[in-house]
């Protein structure tokens, strides 16, 4: 059962954006839970320049079935031109927790 679930990573430029996107995903029942990790430093290349910025990371707990709707929602509402949206399969998890995640999602 756990292979049907994912954690989706998405970085945000600030706390307000992170909270807005997290609430949107949970309200739309696309995510059971979104953790916001503040104060991460991202170092990357953008338009041939090395950038170093402070961001907030979203850890979005959902199902593979909801991924496309999550991607579409994040891309539409995210301020970045190319937001980080990366999904990682959950290989194992407490069955009761995964059952709870499943009950929170609208796409089943």
N, C-alpha and C. Protein backbone atom coordinates (compact mmCIF):
# COMPACT_ATOMS: atom_id res chain seq x y z
N UNK A 1 0.79 -1.19 0.00
CA UNK A 1 0.00 0.00 0.00
C UNK A 1 0.84 1.28 0.00
N UNK A 2 1.99 1.28 0.67
CA UNK A 2 2.76 2.52 0.80
C UNK A 2 3.31 3.01 -0.52
N UNK A 3 3.48 2.16 -1.54
CA UNK A 3 4.01 2.62 -2.81
C UNK A 3 3.03 3.55 -3.54
N UNK A 4 1.81 3.66 -3.06
CA UNK A 4 0.82 4.55 -3.68
C UNK A 4 0.96 5.98 -3.16
N UNK A 5 1.87 6.23 -2.22
CA UNK A 5 2.01 7.54 -1.60
C UNK A 5 3.33 8.19 -1.97
N UNK A 6 3.35 9.53 -1.88
CA UNK A 6 4.54 10.29 -2.22
C UNK A 6 4.74 11.43 -1.24
N UNK A 7 5.98 11.88 -1.16
CA UNK A 7 6.31 13.16 -0.55
C UNK A 7 6.78 14.04 -1.69
N UNK A 8 6.18 15.20 -1.79
CA UNK A 8 6.52 16.13 -2.86
C UNK A 8 7.24 17.31 -2.23
N UNK A 9 8.38 17.65 -2.79
CA UNK A 9 9.20 18.76 -2.31
C UNK A 9 8.93 19.99 -3.18
N UNK A 10 8.82 21.14 -2.52
CA UNK A 10 8.64 22.39 -3.24
C UNK A 10 9.25 23.51 -2.40
N UNK A 11 10.20 24.23 -2.96
CA UNK A 11 10.79 25.35 -2.24
C UNK A 11 9.99 26.63 -2.53
N UNK A 12 9.96 27.52 -1.53
CA UNK A 12 9.22 28.78 -1.63
C UNK A 12 10.13 29.92 -1.20
N UNK A 13 9.89 31.12 -1.73
CA UNK A 13 10.78 32.24 -1.42
C UNK A 13 10.61 32.82 -0.02
N UNK A 14 9.45 32.57 0.62
CA UNK A 14 9.22 33.17 1.93
C UNK A 14 8.11 32.40 2.67
N UNK A 15 7.96 32.75 3.95
CA UNK A 15 7.00 32.06 4.82
C UNK A 15 5.56 32.24 4.34
N UNK A 16 5.20 33.45 3.93
CA UNK A 16 3.82 33.70 3.50
C UNK A 16 3.45 32.86 2.29
N UNK A 17 4.33 32.78 1.32
CA UNK A 17 4.08 31.95 0.14
C UNK A 17 3.95 30.49 0.53
N UNK A 18 4.84 30.03 1.40
CA UNK A 18 4.81 28.63 1.84
C UNK A 18 3.49 28.31 2.53
N UNK A 19 3.05 29.18 3.44
CA UNK A 19 1.80 28.95 4.15
C UNK A 19 0.60 28.99 3.21
N UNK A 20 0.61 29.92 2.27
CA UNK A 20 -0.49 30.03 1.31
C UNK A 20 -0.61 28.76 0.47
N UNK A 21 0.52 28.28 -0.05
CA UNK A 21 0.49 27.07 -0.88
C UNK A 21 0.11 25.84 -0.06
N UNK A 22 0.63 25.74 1.16
CA UNK A 22 0.31 24.60 2.01
C UNK A 22 -1.19 24.55 2.31
N UNK A 23 -1.75 25.68 2.70
CA UNK A 23 -3.19 25.74 3.01
C UNK A 23 -4.03 25.43 1.77
N UNK A 24 -3.61 25.91 0.63
CA UNK A 24 -4.33 25.66 -0.61
C UNK A 24 -4.39 24.16 -0.91
N UNK A 25 -3.27 23.47 -0.78
CA UNK A 25 -3.22 22.03 -1.07
C UNK A 25 -4.06 21.22 -0.09
N UNK A 26 -4.00 21.59 1.19
CA UNK A 26 -4.77 20.87 2.20
C UNK A 26 -6.26 21.17 2.04
N UNK A 27 -6.60 22.41 1.78
CA UNK A 27 -8.00 22.79 1.58
C UNK A 27 -8.61 22.07 0.38
N UNK A 28 -7.84 21.94 -0.69
CA UNK A 28 -8.33 21.26 -1.90
C UNK A 28 -8.29 19.74 -1.76
N UNK A 29 -7.84 19.26 -0.59
CA UNK A 29 -7.72 17.82 -0.30
C UNK A 29 -6.79 17.10 -1.27
N UNK A 30 -5.74 17.83 -1.68
CA UNK A 30 -4.70 17.24 -2.51
C UNK A 30 -3.54 16.74 -1.66
N UNK A 31 -3.47 17.25 -0.42
CA UNK A 31 -2.43 16.84 0.52
C UNK A 31 -3.07 16.61 1.88
N UNK A 32 -2.59 15.58 2.56
CA UNK A 32 -3.07 15.32 3.92
C UNK A 32 -2.37 16.24 4.91
N UNK A 33 -1.10 16.52 4.65
CA UNK A 33 -0.28 17.32 5.56
C UNK A 33 0.83 17.95 4.74
N UNK A 34 1.15 19.19 5.08
CA UNK A 34 2.30 19.86 4.47
C UNK A 34 3.15 20.44 5.59
N UNK A 35 4.38 19.98 5.68
CA UNK A 35 5.32 20.54 6.64
C UNK A 35 6.07 21.68 5.95
N UNK A 36 6.30 22.75 6.70
CA UNK A 36 7.05 23.90 6.20
C UNK A 36 8.35 23.97 6.99
N UNK A 37 9.47 23.77 6.31
CA UNK A 37 10.78 23.85 6.94
C UNK A 37 11.40 25.19 6.58
N UNK A 38 11.52 26.09 7.55
CA UNK A 38 12.06 27.42 7.27
C UNK A 38 13.58 27.43 7.26
N UNK A 39 14.12 28.47 6.68
CA UNK A 39 15.55 28.74 6.82
C UNK A 39 16.48 27.82 6.08
N UNK A 40 16.04 27.23 4.98
CA UNK A 40 16.99 26.43 4.21
C UNK A 40 17.75 27.36 3.27
N UNK A 41 18.97 27.01 2.96
CA UNK A 41 19.76 27.76 2.00
C UNK A 41 19.86 26.94 0.72
N UNK A 42 19.46 27.54 -0.39
CA UNK A 42 19.55 26.88 -1.68
C UNK A 42 20.64 27.55 -2.51
N UNK A 43 21.52 26.74 -3.06
CA UNK A 43 22.58 27.23 -3.95
C UNK A 43 22.35 26.56 -5.29
N UNK A 44 22.23 27.35 -6.34
CA UNK A 44 21.89 26.80 -7.66
C UNK A 44 22.32 27.76 -8.76
N UNK A 45 22.30 27.28 -9.99
CA UNK A 45 22.60 28.10 -11.15
C UNK A 45 21.30 28.53 -11.79
N UNK A 46 21.16 29.83 -12.03
CA UNK A 46 19.98 30.37 -12.72
C UNK A 46 20.47 31.45 -13.68
N UNK A 47 20.12 31.30 -14.95
CA UNK A 47 20.53 32.23 -15.99
C UNK A 47 22.03 32.50 -15.94
N UNK A 48 22.80 31.41 -15.85
CA UNK A 48 24.26 31.40 -15.88
C UNK A 48 24.91 32.11 -14.69
N UNK A 49 24.17 32.29 -13.61
CA UNK A 49 24.72 32.89 -12.39
C UNK A 49 24.52 31.92 -11.23
N UNK A 50 25.50 31.85 -10.35
CA UNK A 50 25.36 31.06 -9.13
C UNK A 50 24.56 31.90 -8.13
N UNK A 51 23.45 31.36 -7.66
CA UNK A 51 22.58 32.03 -6.72
C UNK A 51 22.66 31.32 -5.37
N UNK A 52 22.47 32.06 -4.31
CA UNK A 52 22.38 31.52 -2.96
C UNK A 52 21.28 32.31 -2.24
N UNK A 53 20.18 31.61 -1.92
CA UNK A 53 19.03 32.29 -1.31
C UNK A 53 18.48 31.49 -0.14
N UNK A 54 17.82 32.20 0.76
CA UNK A 54 17.10 31.57 1.86
C UNK A 54 15.69 31.25 1.38
N UNK A 55 15.23 30.02 1.65
CA UNK A 55 13.91 29.60 1.21
C UNK A 55 13.23 28.81 2.32
N UNK A 56 11.97 28.48 2.07
CA UNK A 56 11.19 27.57 2.92
C UNK A 56 10.87 26.36 2.07
N UNK A 57 11.00 25.17 2.65
CA UNK A 57 10.75 23.94 1.92
C UNK A 57 9.42 23.34 2.36
N UNK A 58 8.58 23.02 1.39
CA UNK A 58 7.34 22.29 1.66
C UNK A 58 7.60 20.81 1.50
N UNK A 59 7.14 20.02 2.48
CA UNK A 59 7.12 18.55 2.40
C UNK A 59 5.65 18.18 2.35
N UNK A 60 5.20 17.79 1.17
CA UNK A 60 3.78 17.57 0.92
C UNK A 60 3.51 16.08 0.93
N UNK A 61 2.65 15.63 1.85
CA UNK A 61 2.31 14.21 1.95
C UNK A 61 1.02 13.96 1.20
N UNK A 62 1.10 13.10 0.17
CA UNK A 62 -0.05 12.86 -0.68
C UNK A 62 0.07 11.50 -1.35
N UNK A 63 -0.75 11.31 -2.38
CA UNK A 63 -0.72 10.05 -3.14
C UNK A 63 -0.23 10.32 -4.56
N UNK A 64 0.23 9.27 -5.20
CA UNK A 64 0.65 9.39 -6.60
C UNK A 64 -0.52 9.83 -7.47
N UNK A 65 -1.69 9.43 -7.11
CA UNK A 65 -2.88 9.79 -7.87
C UNK A 65 -3.15 11.30 -7.86
N UNK A 66 -2.73 11.98 -6.80
CA UNK A 66 -2.95 13.42 -6.69
C UNK A 66 -1.81 14.25 -7.30
N UNK A 67 -0.73 13.60 -7.70
CA UNK A 67 0.46 14.35 -8.12
C UNK A 67 0.16 15.39 -9.21
N UNK A 68 -0.50 14.98 -10.27
CA UNK A 68 -0.71 15.91 -11.38
C UNK A 68 -1.50 17.15 -10.96
N UNK A 69 -2.51 16.96 -10.13
CA UNK A 69 -3.28 18.10 -9.63
C UNK A 69 -2.43 18.99 -8.72
N UNK A 70 -1.55 18.39 -7.94
CA UNK A 70 -0.65 19.16 -7.08
C UNK A 70 0.32 19.97 -7.94
N UNK A 71 0.90 19.32 -8.93
CA UNK A 71 1.84 20.01 -9.82
C UNK A 71 1.16 21.20 -10.50
N UNK A 72 -0.02 20.98 -11.04
CA UNK A 72 -0.77 22.04 -11.71
C UNK A 72 -1.07 23.19 -10.76
N UNK A 73 -1.52 22.87 -9.55
CA UNK A 73 -1.86 23.89 -8.56
C UNK A 73 -0.63 24.69 -8.15
N UNK A 74 0.46 24.00 -7.85
CA UNK A 74 1.69 24.70 -7.45
C UNK A 74 2.20 25.58 -8.58
N UNK A 75 2.23 25.05 -9.79
CA UNK A 75 2.75 25.82 -10.92
C UNK A 75 1.92 27.08 -11.16
N UNK A 76 0.62 26.96 -11.01
CA UNK A 76 -0.29 28.09 -11.23
C UNK A 76 -0.14 29.18 -10.16
N UNK A 77 0.07 28.79 -8.90
CA UNK A 77 0.06 29.74 -7.79
C UNK A 77 1.45 30.11 -7.27
N UNK A 78 2.49 29.49 -7.77
CA UNK A 78 3.85 29.73 -7.27
C UNK A 78 4.46 30.96 -7.93
N UNK A 79 5.18 31.79 -7.18
CA UNK A 79 5.76 32.99 -7.78
C UNK A 79 6.99 32.73 -8.66
N UNK A 80 7.63 31.57 -8.51
CA UNK A 80 8.82 31.30 -9.32
C UNK A 80 8.42 30.95 -10.75
N UNK A 81 9.25 31.34 -11.69
CA UNK A 81 9.04 30.99 -13.10
C UNK A 81 9.11 29.48 -13.28
N UNK A 82 10.08 28.85 -12.62
CA UNK A 82 10.24 27.39 -12.67
C UNK A 82 10.38 26.88 -11.24
N UNK A 83 9.27 26.58 -10.57
CA UNK A 83 9.36 26.12 -9.18
C UNK A 83 9.88 24.68 -9.10
N UNK A 84 10.55 24.41 -8.00
CA UNK A 84 10.96 23.03 -7.72
C UNK A 84 9.71 22.25 -7.31
N UNK A 85 9.40 21.21 -8.06
CA UNK A 85 8.30 20.30 -7.72
C UNK A 85 8.83 18.90 -8.02
N UNK A 86 9.19 18.18 -6.97
CA UNK A 86 9.83 16.87 -7.10
C UNK A 86 9.11 15.88 -6.19
N UNK A 87 8.73 14.74 -6.75
CA UNK A 87 8.04 13.71 -5.97
C UNK A 87 8.95 12.52 -5.71
N UNK A 88 8.87 12.00 -4.49
CA UNK A 88 9.62 10.82 -4.08
C UNK A 88 8.63 9.82 -3.51
N UNK A 89 8.69 8.59 -3.99
CA UNK A 89 7.78 7.55 -3.51
C UNK A 89 8.07 7.19 -2.06
N UNK A 90 7.01 6.95 -1.31
CA UNK A 90 7.14 6.45 0.06
C UNK A 90 7.16 4.92 -0.03
N UNK A 91 8.26 4.34 0.34
CA UNK A 91 8.41 2.88 0.25
C UNK A 91 7.83 2.16 1.46
N UNK A 92 7.92 2.81 2.62
CA UNK A 92 7.39 2.22 3.85
C UNK A 92 6.83 3.32 4.71
N UNK A 93 5.89 2.94 5.56
CA UNK A 93 5.33 3.91 6.49
C UNK A 93 4.38 3.19 7.44
N UNK A 94 4.13 3.82 8.57
CA UNK A 94 3.19 3.28 9.54
C UNK A 94 1.84 3.12 8.85
N UNK A 95 1.29 1.92 8.78
CA UNK A 95 0.02 1.71 8.07
C UNK A 95 -1.10 2.63 8.53
N UNK A 96 -1.18 2.88 9.82
CA UNK A 96 -2.23 3.76 10.34
C UNK A 96 -2.06 5.20 9.83
N UNK A 97 -0.81 5.64 9.72
CA UNK A 97 -0.55 6.99 9.20
C UNK A 97 -0.93 7.06 7.73
N UNK A 98 -0.53 6.07 6.96
CA UNK A 98 -0.85 6.06 5.54
C UNK A 98 -2.35 5.94 5.30
N UNK A 99 -3.04 5.21 6.16
CA UNK A 99 -4.51 5.15 6.08
C UNK A 99 -5.10 6.54 6.32
N UNK A 100 -4.55 7.26 7.30
CA UNK A 100 -5.02 8.61 7.58
C UNK A 100 -4.78 9.52 6.37
N UNK A 101 -3.59 9.44 5.77
CA UNK A 101 -3.30 10.25 4.57
C UNK A 101 -4.35 9.97 3.52
N UNK A 102 -4.64 8.71 3.30
CA UNK A 102 -5.62 8.30 2.28
C UNK A 102 -7.00 8.90 2.55
N UNK A 103 -7.41 8.93 3.82
CA UNK A 103 -8.74 9.45 4.14
C UNK A 103 -8.84 10.97 3.94
N UNK A 104 -7.71 11.66 3.93
CA UNK A 104 -7.71 13.11 3.80
C UNK A 104 -7.75 13.60 2.36
N UNK A 105 -7.52 12.72 1.41
CA UNK A 105 -7.39 13.12 0.01
C UNK A 105 -8.71 12.98 -0.74
N UNK A 106 -8.92 13.89 -1.68
CA UNK A 106 -10.17 13.85 -2.45
C UNK A 106 -10.07 12.91 -3.65
N UNK A 107 -8.87 12.72 -4.21
CA UNK A 107 -8.70 11.81 -5.34
C UNK A 107 -8.30 10.45 -4.81
N UNK A 108 -9.16 9.48 -4.92
CA UNK A 108 -8.85 8.14 -4.39
C UNK A 108 -9.08 7.10 -5.45
